[in-house]
Amino acid sequence: MPVADDTTTIDFRLPSLGSDMDDGTIIEWTVAVGDSVTKGDTLLAVETEKGDIDVETWDSGVITEICAEPGTRVPVGTVIARIATAGG
């Protein structure tokens, strides 16, 4: 008997890491496509005008896509990864 696919894909967007932050540069990813992540895990490091900041996920699931390579400067709100989460 087939099992229903009950996953949802979440767009993980670059969050604002400060009140005056408009964009940031991806320094490095600490996860790869296929990695499982849990809420609170660090996904990447971002360079901002105020320094380098680790960015955590607020969702648990599996990384299905990384949309911004290291060295890329992206505006706040840009989709930088996708996470498949268990549906509910």
N, C-alpha and C. Protein backbone atom coordinates (compact mmCIF):
# COMPACT_ATOMS: atom_id res chain seq x y z
N MET A 1 0.84 -1.18 0.00
CA MET A 1 0.00 0.00 0.00
C MET A 1 0.89 1.24 0.00
N PRO A 2 0.74 2.18 -0.94
CA PRO A 2 1.57 3.38 -0.99
C PRO A 2 1.31 4.28 0.21
N VAL A 3 2.38 4.94 0.61
CA VAL A 3 2.28 5.90 1.72
C VAL A 3 2.12 7.29 1.12
N ALA A 4 1.16 8.05 1.64
CA ALA A 4 0.93 9.41 1.15
C ALA A 4 2.12 10.29 1.48
N ASP A 5 2.46 11.16 0.55
CA ASP A 5 3.53 12.12 0.77
C ASP A 5 2.96 13.27 1.59
N ASP A 6 3.37 13.35 2.85
CA ASP A 6 2.81 14.39 3.72
C ASP A 6 3.88 15.43 4.09
N THR A 7 4.78 15.71 3.15
CA THR A 7 5.80 16.72 3.42
C THR A 7 5.38 18.06 2.82
N THR A 8 5.88 19.10 3.43
CA THR A 8 5.68 20.46 2.97
C THR A 8 7.06 21.08 2.78
N THR A 9 7.24 21.84 1.70
CA THR A 9 8.51 22.52 1.48
C THR A 9 8.42 23.95 1.99
N ILE A 10 9.36 24.30 2.85
CA ILE A 10 9.43 25.63 3.44
C ILE A 10 10.52 26.42 2.71
N ASP A 11 10.20 27.64 2.29
CA ASP A 11 11.22 28.54 1.75
C ASP A 11 11.92 29.20 2.92
N PHE A 12 13.22 28.93 3.06
CA PHE A 12 14.00 29.56 4.12
C PHE A 12 14.60 30.84 3.54
N ARG A 13 14.18 31.97 4.08
CA ARG A 13 14.59 33.28 3.56
C ARG A 13 15.63 33.91 4.47
N LEU A 14 16.52 34.71 3.87
CA LEU A 14 17.50 35.42 4.68
C LEU A 14 16.75 36.35 5.63
N PRO A 15 16.89 36.12 6.94
CA PRO A 15 16.18 36.98 7.89
C PRO A 15 16.93 38.30 8.10
N SER A 16 16.20 39.27 8.59
CA SER A 16 16.83 40.52 8.99
C SER A 16 17.52 40.25 10.32
N LEU A 17 18.80 40.49 10.36
CA LEU A 17 19.59 40.20 11.56
C LEU A 17 19.91 41.47 12.33
N GLY A 18 19.21 42.53 12.01
CA GLY A 18 19.37 43.82 12.67
C GLY A 18 18.40 44.82 12.05
N SER A 19 18.05 45.84 12.80
CA SER A 19 17.02 46.77 12.33
C SER A 19 17.41 47.52 11.06
N ASP A 20 18.70 47.67 10.82
CA ASP A 20 19.14 48.41 9.64
C ASP A 20 19.77 47.50 8.57
N MET A 21 19.52 46.20 8.67
CA MET A 21 20.11 45.26 7.71
C MET A 21 19.26 45.18 6.45
N ASP A 22 19.85 45.47 5.29
CA ASP A 22 19.16 45.36 4.01
C ASP A 22 19.57 44.12 3.23
N ASP A 23 20.81 43.65 3.44
CA ASP A 23 21.33 42.49 2.74
C ASP A 23 22.48 41.88 3.53
N GLY A 24 22.96 40.75 3.07
CA GLY A 24 24.08 40.07 3.70
C GLY A 24 24.78 39.20 2.69
N THR A 25 26.02 38.85 3.00
CA THR A 25 26.80 37.98 2.12
C THR A 25 26.93 36.60 2.76
N ILE A 26 26.58 35.57 2.00
CA ILE A 26 26.71 34.20 2.49
C ILE A 26 28.20 33.90 2.62
N ILE A 27 28.63 33.55 3.83
CA ILE A 27 30.04 33.19 4.05
C ILE A 27 30.23 31.70 3.80
N GLU A 28 29.43 30.89 4.51
CA GLU A 28 29.52 29.44 4.33
C GLU A 28 28.27 28.77 4.85
N TRP A 29 27.94 27.64 4.25
CA TRP A 29 26.86 26.80 4.71
C TRP A 29 27.44 25.75 5.64
N THR A 30 26.75 25.45 6.74
CA THR A 30 27.18 24.39 7.64
C THR A 30 26.36 23.13 7.42
N VAL A 31 25.45 23.18 6.42
CA VAL A 31 24.63 22.03 6.04
C VAL A 31 24.75 21.84 4.53
N ALA A 32 24.30 20.68 4.08
CA ALA A 32 24.31 20.36 2.65
C ALA A 32 22.94 19.78 2.29
N VAL A 33 22.64 19.74 1.00
CA VAL A 33 21.40 19.12 0.53
C VAL A 33 21.36 17.68 1.03
N GLY A 34 20.22 17.30 1.58
CA GLY A 34 20.06 15.95 2.13
C GLY A 34 20.26 15.87 3.63
N ASP A 35 20.83 16.92 4.23
CA ASP A 35 21.05 16.92 5.68
C ASP A 35 19.74 17.14 6.42
N SER A 36 19.57 16.43 7.53
CA SER A 36 18.45 16.67 8.43
C SER A 36 18.83 17.79 9.38
N VAL A 37 17.86 18.67 9.64
CA VAL A 37 18.09 19.78 10.58
C VAL A 37 16.95 19.83 11.58
N THR A 38 17.25 20.37 12.74
CA THR A 38 16.28 20.52 13.81
C THR A 38 16.21 21.99 14.19
N LYS A 39 15.03 22.44 14.57
CA LYS A 39 14.85 23.82 14.98
C LYS A 39 15.99 24.23 15.91
N GLY A 40 16.65 25.36 15.59
CA GLY A 40 17.76 25.85 16.39
C GLY A 40 19.14 25.51 15.82
N ASP A 41 19.19 24.60 14.84
CA ASP A 41 20.48 24.26 14.21
C ASP A 41 20.98 25.44 13.39
N THR A 42 22.29 25.63 13.39
CA THR A 42 22.91 26.65 12.55
C THR A 42 22.97 26.13 11.12
N LEU A 43 22.46 26.94 10.17
CA LEU A 43 22.49 26.56 8.76
C LEU A 43 23.64 27.20 8.01
N LEU A 44 23.96 28.44 8.35
CA LEU A 44 24.97 29.17 7.60
C LEU A 44 25.48 30.34 8.40
N ALA A 45 26.58 30.91 7.90
CA ALA A 45 27.14 32.14 8.45
C ALA A 45 26.96 33.23 7.40
N VAL A 46 26.55 34.42 7.86
CA VAL A 46 26.30 35.55 6.99
C VAL A 46 27.13 36.74 7.46
N GLU A 47 27.74 37.43 6.50
CA GLU A 47 28.49 38.65 6.81
C GLU A 47 27.54 39.83 6.66
N THR A 48 27.47 40.66 7.71
CA THR A 48 26.67 41.87 7.67
C THR A 48 27.59 43.05 7.97
N GLU A 49 27.05 44.26 7.91
CA GLU A 49 27.85 45.44 8.23
C GLU A 49 28.35 45.41 9.67
N LYS A 50 27.63 44.70 10.55
CA LYS A 50 28.00 44.64 11.97
C LYS A 50 28.87 43.45 12.32
N GLY A 51 29.13 42.57 11.35
CA GLY A 51 29.97 41.41 11.62
C GLY A 51 29.37 40.13 11.06
N ASP A 52 30.03 39.03 11.37
CA ASP A 52 29.58 37.72 10.90
C ASP A 52 28.59 37.14 11.92
N ILE A 53 27.48 36.60 11.40
CA ILE A 53 26.43 36.08 12.26
C ILE A 53 26.02 34.69 11.79
N ASP A 54 25.87 33.75 12.74
CA ASP A 54 25.34 32.43 12.44
C ASP A 54 23.83 32.52 12.35
N VAL A 55 23.25 31.89 11.35
CA VAL A 55 21.80 31.90 11.14
C VAL A 55 21.25 30.52 11.44
N GLU A 56 20.25 30.47 12.31
CA GLU A 56 19.63 29.21 12.72
C GLU A 56 18.30 29.01 12.01
N THR A 57 17.88 27.77 11.94
CA THR A 57 16.57 27.45 11.38
C THR A 57 15.52 27.42 12.48
N TRP A 58 14.31 27.79 12.13
CA TRP A 58 13.19 27.69 13.07
C TRP A 58 12.27 26.56 12.66
N ASP A 59 12.71 25.74 11.69
CA ASP A 59 11.95 24.57 11.24
C ASP A 59 12.83 23.34 11.32
N SER A 60 12.21 22.18 11.47
CA SER A 60 12.92 20.90 11.42
C SER A 60 12.55 20.20 10.12
N GLY A 61 13.51 19.50 9.54
CA GLY A 61 13.24 18.78 8.30
C GLY A 61 14.53 18.40 7.60
N VAL A 62 14.46 18.33 6.26
CA VAL A 62 15.61 17.95 5.44
C VAL A 62 15.87 19.06 4.42
N ILE A 63 17.13 19.45 4.28
CA ILE A 63 17.51 20.46 3.30
C ILE A 63 17.34 19.85 1.91
N THR A 64 16.49 20.47 1.08
CA THR A 64 16.27 19.95 -0.27
C THR A 64 16.94 20.79 -1.34
N GLU A 65 17.27 22.04 -1.00
CA GLU A 65 17.91 22.92 -1.98
C GLU A 65 18.64 24.04 -1.26
N ILE A 66 19.81 24.38 -1.77
CA ILE A 66 20.54 25.57 -1.34
C ILE A 66 20.55 26.50 -2.53
N CYS A 67 19.98 27.70 -2.35
CA CYS A 67 19.73 28.62 -3.47
C CYS A 67 20.74 29.75 -3.59
N ALA A 68 21.66 29.88 -2.63
CA ALA A 68 22.64 30.97 -2.67
C ALA A 68 24.00 30.41 -2.28
N GLU A 69 24.95 30.55 -3.16
CA GLU A 69 26.30 30.03 -2.94
C GLU A 69 27.11 30.97 -2.05
N PRO A 70 28.12 30.44 -1.35
CA PRO A 70 29.02 31.31 -0.58
C PRO A 70 29.60 32.41 -1.48
N GLY A 71 29.70 33.60 -0.90
CA GLY A 71 30.21 34.75 -1.63
C GLY A 71 29.11 35.58 -2.27
N THR A 72 27.88 35.05 -2.26
CA THR A 72 26.74 35.76 -2.86
C THR A 72 26.16 36.75 -1.86
N ARG A 73 25.96 37.99 -2.32
CA ARG A 73 25.29 39.01 -1.51
C ARG A 73 23.81 38.98 -1.87
N VAL A 74 22.94 38.81 -0.85
CA VAL A 74 21.51 38.69 -1.11
C VAL A 74 20.72 39.65 -0.21
N PRO A 75 19.62 40.18 -0.74
CA PRO A 75 18.76 41.05 0.07
C PRO A 75 18.00 40.25 1.13
N VAL A 76 17.69 40.89 2.24
CA VAL A 76 16.84 40.28 3.26
C VAL A 76 15.53 39.84 2.59
N GLY A 77 15.06 38.66 2.94
CA GLY A 77 13.82 38.14 2.39
C GLY A 77 13.99 37.22 1.19
N THR A 78 15.22 37.14 0.67
CA THR A 78 15.50 36.26 -0.46
C THR A 78 15.49 34.80 -0.02
N VAL A 79 14.88 33.92 -0.82
CA VAL A 79 14.91 32.49 -0.53
C VAL A 79 16.35 32.01 -0.72
N ILE A 80 16.94 31.48 0.35
CA ILE A 80 18.33 31.01 0.26
C ILE A 80 18.44 29.49 0.39
N ALA A 81 17.36 28.85 0.84
CA ALA A 81 17.33 27.38 0.96
C ALA A 81 15.88 26.92 1.03
N ARG A 82 15.69 25.62 0.85
CA ARG A 82 14.37 25.02 1.01
C ARG A 82 14.51 23.82 1.93
N ILE A 83 13.50 23.67 2.79
CA ILE A 83 13.50 22.60 3.79
C ILE A 83 12.19 21.82 3.66
N ALA A 84 12.29 20.51 3.50
CA ALA A 84 11.10 19.65 3.49
C ALA A 84 10.79 19.29 4.94
N THR A 85 9.56 19.60 5.35
CA THR A 85 9.14 19.33 6.71
C THR A 85 7.98 18.34 6.68
N ALA A 86 7.78 17.64 7.79
CA ALA A 86 6.65 16.72 7.89
C ALA A 86 5.36 17.52 7.88
N GLY A 87 4.43 17.08 7.06
CA GLY A 87 3.14 17.77 6.99
C GLY A 87 2.33 17.58 8.25
N GLY A 88 1.28 18.34 8.39
CA GLY A 88 0.56 18.21 9.63
C GLY A 88 -0.88 18.17 9.48
